[in-house]
């Protein structure tokens, strides 16, 4: 049987060995250890310097490519004819990056489209609490009762009121051209909503704190760009903001000639981001997505995606983060109507005959 003295000696021996190790490490082996640490530090610094140089080179390439695309934007968008005569309205989510908003407006103008205005949804619009639902239901119910609009049943009970609000908002800012080329009323309304009625509708939601707007969005657009938030929601795919986004995206897609959702580079590729959620939802069959719309390339792609949809193409995902393609290909060729050449006339109004 092992007695107490054996345990005591063993413990003392362990501590003695530790003490000897510390002494030896701080005296005899110290120069060697410092040399190794110094060598390791120099190696890490060298790798860091190389990585920084590579990063700077990639940044320079990206900046050069973006500058080239900016100078070529008009040509790539058909010299203003790719979306000639179309109207675009922006619907922005809370936290939508200004660089996407400004870039999409610039690209739309280069493609020959007119931006009617911008409707910015507030955080309150994405709130699924009982108090918010009650307020939203009251606003939507009053509008629907006044003009006879039949509110569609919600696909998801959680987002029914947001979906119905989007249906009414779409009726004020969007119109899908019918076969005759005139604008048809979306969402079940008996007749196209008047400008005055559309403005009253937007003001009602604005006064309730659900949105703000600028420009003239009541000058109904045929195309919708939904600008996604610039950050991933805290609770990921199940976040209320994502649930609401899917519901309203379907409403705007149904009411418009074409709808495209635009997101930011890096953010859109993360799980739970707005773009990734849209791509994995049922809404993906109704609208296209672009995950790098904070770049000139992405902004051009948004306009090209519209052209594909208007030409009868299917919705798709574009960009650099798990997308089906970087950009549409081939892009429909814009139809340019040549202006008639002015011919010289004679005194009696006829065209002179050239002498041979």
Protein backbone atom coordinates (compact mmCIF):
# COMPACT_ATOMS: atom_id res chain seq x y z
CA UNK A 1 0.00 0.00 0.00
CA UNK A 2 1.32 3.44 -1.02
CA UNK A 3 1.69 5.66 2.04
CA UNK A 4 1.41 9.43 2.47
CA UNK A 5 5.20 9.97 2.33
CA UNK A 6 5.27 8.57 -1.27
CA UNK A 7 2.56 11.02 -2.34
CA UNK A 8 4.39 13.90 -0.71
CA UNK A 9 7.70 13.05 -2.41
CA UNK A 10 5.97 12.69 -5.76
CA UNK A 11 4.34 16.12 -5.47
CA UNK A 12 7.61 17.75 -4.44
CA UNK A 13 9.36 16.08 -7.39
CA UNK A 14 6.79 17.44 -9.84
CA UNK A 15 7.13 21.00 -8.57
CA UNK A 16 10.93 20.68 -8.52
CA UNK A 17 10.90 19.57 -12.15
CA UNK A 18 8.74 22.57 -13.08
CA UNK A 19 11.10 24.92 -11.27
CA UNK A 20 14.13 23.46 -13.02
CA UNK A 21 12.38 23.77 -16.39
CA UNK A 22 11.56 27.41 -15.79
CA UNK A 23 15.13 28.20 -14.74
CA UNK A 24 16.65 26.39 -17.70
CA UNK A 25 14.17 27.95 -20.13
CA UNK A 26 14.98 31.44 -18.94
CA UNK A 27 18.75 31.00 -19.10
CA UNK A 28 20.32 28.33 -21.33
CA UNK A 29 17.55 27.96 -23.91
CA UNK A 30 16.48 31.61 -24.04
CA UNK A 31 18.58 32.71 -27.07
CA UNK A 32 17.37 29.74 -29.14
CA UNK A 33 13.72 30.38 -28.24
CA UNK A 34 14.02 34.08 -29.10
CA UNK A 35 15.62 33.19 -32.40
CA UNK A 36 12.74 30.87 -33.29
CA UNK A 37 10.15 33.48 -32.30
CA UNK A 38 11.95 36.15 -34.30
CA UNK A 39 12.11 33.92 -37.35
CA UNK A 40 8.41 33.08 -37.05
CA UNK A 41 7.53 36.77 -36.66
CA UNK A 42 9.52 37.69 -39.77
CA UNK A 43 7.82 34.93 -41.75
CA UNK A 44 4.34 36.11 -40.68
CA UNK A 45 5.24 39.71 -41.56
CA UNK A 46 6.43 38.60 -44.98
CA UNK A 47 3.22 36.67 -45.63
CA UNK A 48 1.15 39.63 -44.44
CA UNK A 49 3.06 41.98 -46.73
CA UNK A 50 2.51 39.65 -49.69
CA UNK A 51 -1.21 39.34 -48.90
CA UNK A 52 -1.51 43.13 -48.63
CA UNK A 53 0.22 43.59 -51.98
CA UNK A 54 -2.10 41.02 -53.56
CA UNK A 55 -5.13 42.74 -52.03
CA UNK A 56 -3.99 46.11 -53.41
CA UNK A 57 -3.48 44.55 -56.85
CA UNK A 58 -6.99 43.05 -56.81
CA UNK A 59 -8.43 46.38 -55.66
CA UNK A 60 -6.64 48.19 -58.48
CA UNK A 61 -8.00 45.66 -60.99
CA UNK A 62 -11.51 46.02 -59.61
CA UNK A 63 -11.31 49.81 -59.69
CA UNK A 64 -10.02 49.70 -63.24
CA UNK A 65 -12.79 47.36 -64.34
CA UNK A 66 -15.40 49.55 -62.67
CA UNK A 67 -14.01 52.67 -64.33
CA UNK A 68 -14.11 50.90 -67.70
CA UNK A 69 -17.72 49.81 -67.15
CA UNK A 70 -18.73 53.34 -66.13
CA UNK A 71 -17.32 54.71 -69.37
CA UNK A 72 -18.95 51.89 -71.37
CA UNK A 73 -22.28 51.87 -69.52
CA UNK A 74 -24.22 53.68 -72.21
CA UNK A 75 -22.93 51.39 -74.97
CA UNK A 76 -23.64 48.26 -72.92
CA UNK A 77 -27.20 49.49 -72.32
CA UNK A 78 -27.90 50.06 -75.98
CA UNK A 79 -27.04 53.78 -76.07
CA UNK A 80 -30.24 54.57 -74.19
CA UNK A 81 -32.49 52.17 -76.09
CA UNK A 82 -32.40 48.93 -74.06
CA UNK A 83 -35.36 50.05 -71.92
CA UNK A 84 -36.48 52.94 -74.08
CA UNK A 85 -39.89 54.23 -72.99
CA UNK A 86 -40.06 52.14 -69.80
CA UNK A 87 -40.68 53.58 -66.34
CA UNK A 88 -38.88 52.31 -63.22
CA UNK A 89 -39.84 52.75 -59.58
CA UNK A 90 -37.57 51.89 -56.64
CA UNK A 91 -38.94 50.15 -53.55
CA UNK A 92 -36.27 50.19 -50.84
CA UNK A 93 -36.03 48.08 -47.71
CA UNK A 94 -34.81 49.60 -44.41
CA UNK A 95 -31.03 49.91 -44.58
CA UNK A 96 -30.90 49.86 -48.38
CA UNK A 97 -27.45 51.16 -49.48
CA UNK A 98 -27.44 54.57 -51.14
CA UNK A 99 -24.77 53.40 -53.60
CA UNK A 100 -27.25 50.89 -55.07
CA UNK A 101 -30.09 53.42 -55.20
CA UNK A 102 -27.99 56.05 -56.96
CA UNK A 103 -26.33 53.54 -59.27
CA UNK A 104 -29.60 51.95 -60.37
CA UNK A 105 -31.05 55.37 -61.13
CA UNK A 106 -28.02 56.22 -63.25
CA UNK A 107 -28.14 52.89 -65.10
CA UNK A 108 -31.88 53.26 -65.76
CA UNK A 109 -31.31 56.64 -67.35
CA UNK A 110 -28.47 55.20 -69.47
CA UNK A 111 -30.85 52.45 -70.65
CA UNK A 112 -33.43 55.04 -71.72
CA UNK A 113 -35.88 54.43 -68.87
CA UNK A 114 -37.48 57.05 -66.64
CA UNK A 115 -37.30 56.69 -62.85
CA UNK A 116 -40.67 57.81 -61.51
CA UNK A 117 -39.71 57.88 -57.84
CA UNK A 118 -38.78 55.95 -54.75
CA UNK A 119 -40.91 54.35 -52.03
CA UNK A 120 -38.86 53.63 -48.89
CA UNK A 121 -40.33 51.13 -46.45
CA UNK A 122 -39.61 51.83 -42.78
CA UNK A 123 -38.73 49.30 -40.04
CA UNK A 124 -42.34 49.57 -38.85
CA UNK A 125 -43.50 47.99 -42.12
CA UNK A 126 -41.58 44.81 -41.20
CA UNK A 127 -42.87 44.68 -37.62
CA UNK A 128 -45.04 41.59 -37.04
CA UNK A 129 -46.30 42.60 -33.60
CA UNK A 130 -50.01 42.74 -32.86
CA UNK A 131 -50.12 46.54 -32.52
CA UNK A 132 -48.49 47.07 -35.92
CA UNK A 133 -50.74 44.52 -37.59
CA UNK A 134 -53.79 46.25 -36.18
CA UNK A 135 -52.69 49.67 -37.46
CA UNK A 136 -51.74 48.33 -40.89
CA UNK A 137 -55.00 46.40 -41.17
CA UNK A 138 -56.96 49.54 -40.34
CA UNK A 139 -55.16 51.64 -42.99
CA UNK A 140 -55.47 48.97 -45.69
CA UNK A 141 -59.09 48.22 -44.82
CA UNK A 142 -60.08 51.88 -45.10
CA UNK A 143 -58.42 52.24 -48.51
CA UNK A 144 -59.89 48.99 -49.86
CA UNK A 145 -63.39 49.88 -48.68
CA UNK A 146 -63.21 53.34 -50.22
CA UNK A 147 -62.29 52.18 -53.73
CA UNK A 148 -63.73 48.66 -53.81
CA UNK A 149 -60.41 46.81 -53.98
CA UNK A 150 -60.64 43.13 -53.06
CA UNK A 151 -57.70 42.38 -50.77
CA UNK A 152 -56.00 39.09 -51.61
CA UNK A 153 -55.79 36.44 -48.87
CA UNK A 154 -52.32 36.19 -47.39
CA UNK A 155 -50.12 33.29 -48.47
CA UNK A 156 -48.55 33.34 -44.98
CA UNK A 157 -50.71 34.30 -41.94
CA UNK A 158 -47.68 35.99 -40.37
CA UNK A 159 -47.32 38.48 -43.22
CA UNK A 160 -50.91 38.80 -44.47
CA UNK A 161 -51.24 42.50 -43.60
CA UNK A 162 -47.89 43.41 -45.17
CA UNK A 163 -48.85 41.49 -48.31
CA UNK A 164 -52.17 43.32 -48.54
CA UNK A 165 -50.48 46.66 -47.94
CA UNK A 166 -48.02 45.86 -50.74
CA UNK A 167 -50.96 44.99 -53.00
CA UNK A 168 -52.47 48.43 -52.44
CA UNK A 169 -49.14 50.26 -52.68
CA UNK A 170 -48.46 48.47 -55.96
CA UNK A 171 -51.81 49.68 -57.28
CA UNK A 172 -50.66 53.25 -56.64
CA UNK A 173 -47.16 53.07 -58.13
CA UNK A 174 -47.11 50.18 -60.62
CA UNK A 175 -49.12 49.20 -63.68
CA UNK A 176 -48.72 46.22 -65.97
CA UNK A 177 -49.36 47.09 -69.62
CA UNK A 178 -52.22 45.08 -71.08
CA UNK A 179 -52.39 43.66 -74.57
CA UNK A 180 -53.44 47.02 -75.97
CA UNK A 181 -50.38 48.70 -74.49
CA UNK A 182 -52.32 50.73 -71.93
CA UNK A 183 -51.72 50.39 -68.20
CA UNK A 184 -53.93 47.94 -66.37
CA UNK A 185 -54.86 48.11 -62.71
CA UNK A 186 -53.18 45.36 -60.63
CA UNK A 187 -54.56 43.75 -57.51
CA UNK A 188 -58.26 43.41 -58.28
CA UNK A 189 -59.29 47.06 -58.48
CA UNK A 190 -62.25 47.87 -60.73
CA UNK A 191 -60.41 50.59 -62.66
CA UNK A 192 -56.99 52.26 -62.76
CA UNK A 193 -56.49 54.35 -59.64
CA UNK A 194 -56.42 58.10 -60.27
CA UNK A 195 -53.31 60.15 -59.50
CA UNK A 196 -55.16 61.84 -56.62
CA UNK A 197 -56.29 58.50 -55.20
CA UNK A 198 -52.79 57.04 -55.53
CA UNK A 199 -51.24 60.00 -53.73
CA UNK A 200 -53.84 59.79 -50.94
CA UNK A 201 -53.01 56.10 -50.54
CA UNK A 202 -49.27 56.69 -50.18
CA UNK A 203 -49.85 59.52 -47.74
CA UNK A 204 -52.06 57.28 -45.59
CA UNK A 205 -49.28 54.70 -45.18
CA UNK A 206 -46.71 57.46 -44.71
CA UNK A 207 -48.73 59.11 -41.94
CA UNK A 208 -49.01 55.74 -40.20
CA UNK A 209 -45.20 55.50 -40.27
CA UNK A 210 -44.93 52.61 -42.73
CA UNK A 211 -43.11 54.36 -45.57
CA UNK A 212 -41.74 57.55 -47.05
CA UNK A 213 -41.63 58.49 -50.73
CA UNK A 214 -40.08 60.99 -53.10
CA UNK A 215 -40.27 61.84 -56.76
CA UNK A 216 -43.56 61.06 -58.50
CA UNK A 217 -44.08 57.33 -57.90
CA UNK A 218 -47.78 57.75 -58.65
CA UNK A 219 -46.76 58.22 -62.30
CA UNK A 220 -47.06 54.47 -62.53
CA UNK A 221 -43.98 52.49 -63.49
CA UNK A 222 -43.89 49.24 -65.44
CA UNK A 223 -40.68 48.01 -63.81
CA UNK A 224 -39.79 47.64 -60.12
CA UNK A 225 -36.36 47.48 -58.46
CA UNK A 226 -36.51 46.21 -54.88
CA UNK A 227 -33.34 47.31 -53.08
CA UNK A 228 -32.40 44.86 -50.33
CA UNK A 229 -30.89 45.85 -46.95
CA UNK A 230 -27.13 46.34 -46.72
CA UNK A 231 -26.76 43.89 -43.83
CA UNK A 232 -27.88 40.39 -42.87
CA UNK A 233 -30.73 40.39 -40.30
CA UNK A 234 -29.79 39.31 -36.79
CA UNK A 235 -31.98 36.19 -36.85
CA UNK A 236 -31.15 35.18 -40.42
CA UNK A 237 -33.64 33.66 -42.83
CA UNK A 238 -36.45 33.56 -40.27
CA UNK A 239 -36.13 37.27 -39.49
CA UNK A 240 -39.46 39.15 -39.92
CA UNK A 241 -37.82 41.47 -42.45
CA UNK A 242 -37.04 38.49 -44.69
CA UNK A 243 -40.50 37.01 -44.29
CA UNK A 244 -42.10 40.32 -45.23
CA UNK A 245 -39.70 40.81 -48.15
CA UNK A 246 -40.75 37.53 -49.77
CA UNK A 247 -44.44 38.45 -49.40
CA UNK A 248 -44.15 41.95 -50.88
CA UNK A 249 -41.74 40.87 -53.64
CA UNK A 250 -44.43 38.53 -54.96
CA UNK A 251 -46.98 41.36 -54.97
CA UNK A 252 -44.78 43.78 -56.89
CA UNK A 253 -43.73 41.06 -59.33
CA UNK A 254 -47.37 40.20 -60.02
CA UNK A 255 -48.34 43.84 -60.51
CA UNK A 256 -45.45 44.88 -62.78
CA UNK A 257 -44.15 43.96 -66.20
CA UNK A 258 -40.89 42.90 -64.49
CA UNK A 259 -39.31 43.08 -61.04
CA UNK A 260 -35.66 42.73 -60.03
CA UNK A 261 -34.26 42.58 -56.48
CA UNK A 262 -30.84 44.21 -56.02
CA UNK A 263 -28.37 43.42 -53.23
CA UNK A 264 -24.80 44.16 -52.15
CA UNK A 265 -21.56 42.32 -52.90
CA UNK A 266 -20.50 40.07 -50.04
CA UNK A 267 -23.71 40.55 -48.07
CA UNK A 268 -25.92 38.76 -50.59
CA UNK A 269 -23.82 35.62 -50.48
CA UNK A 270 -24.27 35.16 -46.74
CA UNK A 271 -26.84 32.73 -45.41
CA UNK A 272 -29.93 34.59 -44.23
CA UNK A 273 -29.38 37.64 -46.42
CA UNK A 274 -32.35 39.09 -48.28
CA UNK A 275 -31.10 38.00 -51.71
CA UNK A 276 -30.28 34.45 -50.59
CA UNK A 277 -33.72 34.14 -48.97
CA UNK A 278 -35.48 35.37 -52.12
CA UNK A 279 -33.49 32.94 -54.25
CA UNK A 280 -34.56 29.99 -52.11
CA UNK A 281 -38.21 31.06 -51.85
CA UNK A 282 -41.22 30.67 -54.14
CA UNK A 283 -40.67 34.29 -55.22
CA UNK A 284 -37.63 33.19 -57.25
CA UNK A 285 -39.95 32.09 -60.05
CA UNK A 286 -41.45 35.59 -60.28
CA UNK A 287 -38.49 37.98 -60.16
CA UNK A 288 -34.78 38.09 -60.96
CA UNK A 289 -32.07 38.89 -58.41
CA UNK A 290 -28.70 40.66 -58.72
CA UNK A 291 -26.27 40.21 -55.81
CA UNK A 292 -23.63 42.82 -56.76
CA UNK A 293 -25.75 45.89 -57.52
CA UNK A 294 -23.42 48.07 -55.48
CA UNK A 295 -21.03 47.89 -58.46
CA UNK A 296 -21.39 49.34 -61.95
CA UNK A 297 -21.39 45.79 -63.34
CA UNK A 298 -24.32 44.85 -61.12
CA UNK A 299 -26.25 48.00 -61.95
CA UNK A 300 -25.86 47.30 -65.67
CA UNK A 301 -26.98 43.72 -64.99
CA UNK A 302 -30.18 44.97 -63.32
CA UNK A 303 -31.16 46.74 -66.54
CA UNK A 304 -30.18 43.76 -68.68
CA UNK A 305 -32.26 41.49 -66.42
CA UNK A 306 -35.26 43.73 -67.11
CA UNK A 307 -34.65 43.46 -70.85
CA UNK A 308 -34.61 39.66 -70.64
CA UNK A 309 -37.87 39.56 -68.66
CA UNK A 310 -39.59 42.03 -71.00
CA UNK A 311 -38.54 39.86 -73.93
CA UNK A 312 -40.28 36.87 -72.36
CA UNK A 313 -37.27 35.32 -70.63
CA UNK A 314 -37.51 33.52 -67.31
CA UNK A 315 -36.46 35.06 -63.99
CA UNK A 316 -32.92 34.16 -62.92
CA UNK A 317 -30.20 34.96 -60.41
CA UNK A 318 -27.22 37.07 -61.48
CA UNK A 319 -23.99 38.17 -59.81
CA UNK A 320 -21.00 36.61 -58.12
CA UNK A 321 -22.36 34.94 -54.95
CA UNK A 322 -23.96 31.63 -55.84
CA UNK A 323 -25.82 33.09 -58.82
CA UNK A 324 -26.80 31.17 -61.95
CA UNK A 325 -24.79 33.57 -64.14
CA UNK A 326 -22.71 36.73 -63.81
CA UNK A 327 -25.10 38.55 -66.15
CA UNK A 328 -27.76 37.68 -68.74
CA UNK A 329 -26.54 36.31 -72.02
CA UNK A 330 -27.36 37.01 -74.66
CA UNK A 331 -29.06 40.28 -73.81
CA UNK A 332 -31.96 41.19 -76.14
CA UNK A 333 -30.90 43.70 -78.77
CA UNK A 334 -32.68 47.05 -78.32
CA UNK A 335 -34.96 47.97 -81.18
CA UNK A 336 -33.92 51.42 -82.34
CA UNK A 337 -36.37 53.29 -84.52
CA UNK A 338 -34.37 55.21 -87.05
CA UNK A 339 -35.47 58.81 -87.48
CA UNK A 340 -36.46 59.58 -91.07
CA UNK A 341 -33.83 61.42 -93.10
CA UNK A 342 -34.90 64.92 -93.99
CA UNK A 343 -34.91 65.35 -97.76
CA UNK A 344 -34.56 68.69 -99.50
CA UNK A 345 -37.73 69.82 -101.15
CA UNK A 346 -38.53 71.85 -104.24
CA UNK A 347 -40.68 74.91 -104.31
CA UNK A 348 -43.84 72.84 -104.83
CA UNK A 349 -42.98 70.48 -101.96
CA UNK A 350 -41.63 67.61 -104.04
CA UNK A 351 -38.28 65.85 -103.64
CA UNK A 352 -35.80 66.83 -106.31
CA UNK A 353 -34.45 64.13 -108.59
CA UNK A 354 -30.70 63.72 -108.58
CA UNK A 355 -29.01 64.37 -111.87
CA UNK A 356 -27.03 61.50 -113.31
